[in-house]
Amino acid sequence: MFLLPEINAMDDLEDRIKNNVPLPSSIIYCIAAIKESIIYLNGSPQNTFHPAIVELAGKHNALLAGNDFKSGQTRFKTVMSDFIIGSGIRLASVVSYNHLGNNDGKNLSEDKTFRSK
């Protein structure tokens, strides 16, 4: 993933699409969903809902939802922590290692993404 400056203007978004400027796949899928009138659920922590994307959705009366479903490891840790605490065991720490090496570090460098965590 690459960090994308926020796309604020519709004409900027349309120019990027027309000129085949590389965009993250989440944005491409989101635009396709908007244009096909399919709800787009953003389950990842990256910033997909740029102002121009939201404006495009409004123009097409499309629905956008979601911001980091916290699935996988995060969800498991949350569920297991609640279970352990509910069982009367004192939990001092939850530590994990992301051995698959995704883009969490890059994603968390964006303030909007960081606040969602």
C-alpha atoms as a PDB file:
ATOM      1  CA  MET A   1       0.000   0.000   0.000  1.00  0.00           C
ATOM      2  CA  PHE A   2       1.134   3.522  -0.643  1.00  0.00           C
ATOM      3  CA  LEU A   3       0.071   6.607   1.278  1.00  0.00           C
ATOM      4  CA  LEU A   4      -2.299   8.642  -0.834  1.00  0.00           C
ATOM      5  CA  PRO A   5      -2.823  12.355  -0.299  1.00  0.00           C
ATOM      6  CA  GLU A   6      -6.458  13.065   0.427  1.00  0.00           C
ATOM      7  CA  ILE A   7      -8.590  13.433  -2.693  1.00  0.00           C
ATOM      8  CA  ASN A   8     -10.770  16.437  -1.953  1.00  0.00           C
ATOM      9  CA  ALA A   9     -12.170  17.447  -5.343  1.00  0.00           C
ATOM     10  CA  MET A  10     -14.370  15.430  -7.689  1.00  0.00           C
ATOM     11  CA  ASP A  11     -12.511  16.751 -10.733  1.00  0.00           C
ATOM     12  CA  ASP A  12      -9.224  15.528  -9.211  1.00  0.00           C
ATOM     13  CA  LEU A  13     -10.729  12.068  -8.671  1.00  0.00           C
ATOM     14  CA  GLU A  14     -12.153  11.971 -12.200  1.00  0.00           C
ATOM     15  CA  ASP A  15      -8.808  13.121 -13.665  1.00  0.00           C
ATOM     16  CA  ARG A  16      -6.970  10.364 -11.786  1.00  0.00           C
ATOM     17  CA  ILE A  17      -9.383   7.761 -13.144  1.00  0.00           C
ATOM     18  CA  LYS A  18      -9.323   9.139 -16.711  1.00  0.00           C
ATOM     19  CA  ASN A  19      -5.519   9.355 -16.753  1.00  0.00           C
ATOM     20  CA  ASN A  20      -5.063   5.885 -15.248  1.00  0.00           C
ATOM     21  CA  VAL A  21      -3.248   7.213 -12.175  1.00  0.00           C
ATOM     22  CA  PRO A  22      -2.618   4.295  -9.768  1.00  0.00           C
ATOM     23  CA  LEU A  23      -5.100   4.210  -6.895  1.00  0.00           C
ATOM     24  CA  PRO A  24      -5.366   1.765  -3.996  1.00  0.00           C
ATOM     25  CA  SER A  25      -7.600  -1.195  -4.790  1.00  0.00           C
ATOM     26  CA  SER A  26      -9.973  -0.211  -1.974  1.00  0.00           C
ATOM     27  CA  ILE A  27     -10.700   3.079  -3.743  1.00  0.00           C
ATOM     28  CA  ILE A  28     -11.153   1.385  -7.111  1.00  0.00           C
ATOM     29  CA  TYR A  29     -13.576  -1.160  -5.626  1.00  0.00           C
ATOM     30  CA  CYS A  30     -15.383   1.613  -3.767  1.00  0.00           C
ATOM     31  CA  ILE A  31     -15.841   3.662  -6.960  1.00  0.00           C
ATOM     32  CA  ALA A  32     -17.089   0.573  -8.809  1.00  0.00           C
ATOM     33  CA  ALA A  33     -19.586  -0.169  -6.027  1.00  0.00           C
ATOM     34  CA  ILE A  34     -20.814   3.425  -6.037  1.00  0.00           C
ATOM     35  CA  LYS A  35     -21.331   3.397  -9.796  1.00  0.00           C
ATOM     36  CA  GLU A  36     -23.135   0.030  -9.612  1.00  0.00           C
ATOM     37  CA  SER A  37     -25.338   1.203  -6.701  1.00  0.00           C
ATOM     38  CA  ILE A  38     -23.954  -1.479  -4.386  1.00  0.00           C
ATOM     39  CA  ILE A  39     -23.276  -0.672  -0.732  1.00  0.00           C
ATOM     40  CA  TYR A  40     -19.548  -0.484  -0.008  1.00  0.00           C
ATOM     41  CA  LEU A  41     -18.447  -1.715   3.422  1.00  0.00           C
ATOM     42  CA  ASN A  42     -14.926  -0.611   4.252  1.00  0.00           C
ATOM     43  CA  GLY A  43     -13.515  -3.317   6.507  1.00  0.00           C
ATOM     44  CA  SER A  44      -9.912  -2.179   6.435  1.00  0.00           C
ATOM     45  CA  PRO A  45      -8.217   0.570   8.437  1.00  0.00           C
ATOM     46  CA  GLN A  46      -6.978   2.488   5.415  1.00  0.00           C
ATOM     47  CA  ASN A  47      -8.563   5.781   4.468  1.00  0.00           C
ATOM     48  CA  THR A  48     -10.868   4.937   1.565  1.00  0.00           C
ATOM     49  CA  PHE A  49     -13.554   7.535   2.177  1.00  0.00           C
ATOM     50  CA  HIS A  50     -11.796  10.611   0.820  1.00  0.00           C
ATOM     51  CA  PRO A  51     -14.025  13.708   0.510  1.00  0.00           C
ATOM     52  CA  ALA A  52     -14.314  13.209  -3.271  1.00  0.00           C
ATOM     53  CA  ILE A  53     -15.398   9.578  -2.754  1.00  0.00           C
ATOM     54  CA  VAL A  54     -18.084  10.656  -0.288  1.00  0.00           C
ATOM     55  CA  GLU A  55     -19.222  13.334  -2.734  1.00  0.00           C
ATOM     56  CA  LEU A  56     -19.356  10.763  -5.557  1.00  0.00           C
ATOM     57  CA  ALA A  57     -21.478   8.473  -3.361  1.00  0.00           C
ATOM     58  CA  GLY A  58     -23.855  11.348  -2.642  1.00  0.00           C
ATOM     59  CA  LYS A  59     -24.133  12.143  -6.336  1.00  0.00           C
ATOM     60  CA  HIS A  60     -25.115   8.511  -7.059  1.00  0.00           C
ATOM     61  CA  ASN A  61     -27.234   8.065  -3.885  1.00  0.00           C
ATOM     62  CA  ALA A  62     -24.893   5.209  -2.919  1.00  0.00           C
ATOM     63  CA  LEU A  63     -24.313   3.902   0.593  1.00  0.00           C
ATOM     64  CA  LEU A  64     -20.897   3.785   2.282  1.00  0.00           C
ATOM     65  CA  ALA A  65     -20.244   2.183   5.648  1.00  0.00           C
ATOM     66  CA  GLY A  66     -17.552   0.760   7.866  1.00  0.00           C
ATOM     67  CA  ASN A  67     -14.162   1.649   9.201  1.00  0.00           C
ATOM     68  CA  ASP A  68     -11.872  -1.210  10.174  1.00  0.00           C
ATOM     69  CA  PHE A  69     -13.962  -4.218  11.177  1.00  0.00           C
ATOM     70  CA  LYS A  70     -11.142  -5.255  13.505  1.00  0.00           C
ATOM     71  CA  SER A  71     -11.344  -8.804  12.273  1.00  0.00           C
ATOM     72  CA  GLY A  72      -8.799 -11.564  12.618  1.00  0.00           C
ATOM     73  CA  GLN A  73      -6.157 -11.181  15.291  1.00  0.00           C
ATOM     74  CA  THR A  74      -7.635  -8.048  16.872  1.00  0.00           C
ATOM     75  CA  ARG A  75     -11.105  -9.570  17.144  1.00  0.00           C
ATOM     76  CA  PHE A  76      -9.694 -12.813  18.564  1.00  0.00           C
ATOM     77  CA  LYS A  77      -7.685 -10.944  21.209  1.00  0.00           C
ATOM     78  CA  THR A  78     -10.747  -8.909  22.193  1.00  0.00           C
ATOM     79  CA  VAL A  79     -13.002 -11.954  22.502  1.00  0.00           C
ATOM     80  CA  MET A  80     -10.417 -14.038  24.374  1.00  0.00           C
ATOM     81  CA  SER A  81      -9.557 -11.172  26.731  1.00  0.00           C
ATOM     82  CA  ASP A  82     -13.232 -10.761  27.646  1.00  0.00           C
ATOM     83  CA  PHE A  83     -13.535 -14.521  28.151  1.00  0.00           C
ATOM     84  CA  ILE A  84     -10.441 -14.740  30.374  1.00  0.00           C
ATOM     85  CA  ILE A  85     -11.477 -11.737  32.486  1.00  0.00           C
ATOM     86  CA  GLY A  86     -15.050 -13.092  32.715  1.00  0.00           C
ATOM     87  CA  SER A  87     -13.607 -16.365  34.013  1.00  0.00           C
ATOM     88  CA  GLY A  88     -12.083 -14.524  36.946  1.00  0.00           C
ATOM     89  CA  ILE A  89      -8.506 -14.575  35.692  1.00  0.00           C
ATOM     90  CA  ARG A  90      -6.628 -11.302  35.974  1.00  0.00           C
ATOM     91  CA  LEU A  91      -5.220 -10.305  32.614  1.00  0.00           C
ATOM     92  CA  ALA A  92      -2.029  -8.266  32.880  1.00  0.00           C
ATOM     93  CA  SER A  93      -1.089  -7.949  29.213  1.00  0.00           C
ATOM     94  CA  VAL A  94      -1.997  -9.023  25.699  1.00  0.00           C
ATOM     95  CA  VAL A  95       0.946  -9.162  23.312  1.00  0.00           C
ATOM     96  CA  SER A  96       1.064 -10.377  19.742  1.00  0.00           C
ATOM     97  CA  TYR A  97       3.330 -10.397  16.771  1.00  0.00           C
ATOM     98  CA  ASN A  98       2.151  -9.839  13.215  1.00  0.00           C
ATOM     99  CA  HIS A  99       4.315 -12.415  11.476  1.00  0.00           C
ATOM    100  CA  LEU A 100       2.610 -11.860   8.113  1.00  0.00           C
ATOM    101  CA  GLY A 101       3.861  -8.279   7.981  1.00  0.00           C
ATOM    102  CA  ASN A 102       0.936  -6.290   6.668  1.00  0.00           C
ATOM    103  CA  ASN A 103       0.688  -2.506   6.303  1.00  0.00           C
ATOM    104  CA  ASP A 104      -0.463  -1.679   9.830  1.00  0.00           C
ATOM    105  CA  GLY A 105       2.487   0.623  10.466  1.00  0.00           C
ATOM    106  CA  LYS A 106       1.850   2.611   7.302  1.00  0.00           C
ATOM    107  CA  ASN A 107      -1.896   2.656   7.884  1.00  0.00           C
ATOM    108  CA  LEU A 108      -1.515   3.820  11.474  1.00  0.00           C
ATOM    109  CA  SER A 109       0.642   6.765  10.393  1.00  0.00           C
ATOM    110  CA  GLU A 110      -2.567   8.413   9.118  1.00  0.00           C
ATOM    111  CA  ASP A 111      -4.381  10.229  11.915  1.00  0.00           C
ATOM    112  CA  LYS A 112      -7.864   9.050  10.844  1.00  0.00           C
ATOM    113  CA  THR A 113      -6.728   5.439  10.798  1.00  0.00           C
ATOM    114  CA  PHE A 114      -4.903   5.760  14.106  1.00  0.00           C
ATOM    115  CA  ARG A 115      -8.046   7.136  15.812  1.00  0.00           C
ATOM    116  CA  SER A 116     -10.073   4.132  14.567  1.00  0.00           C
ATOM    117  CA  LYS A 117      -7.756   1.759  16.468  1.00  0.00           C
END
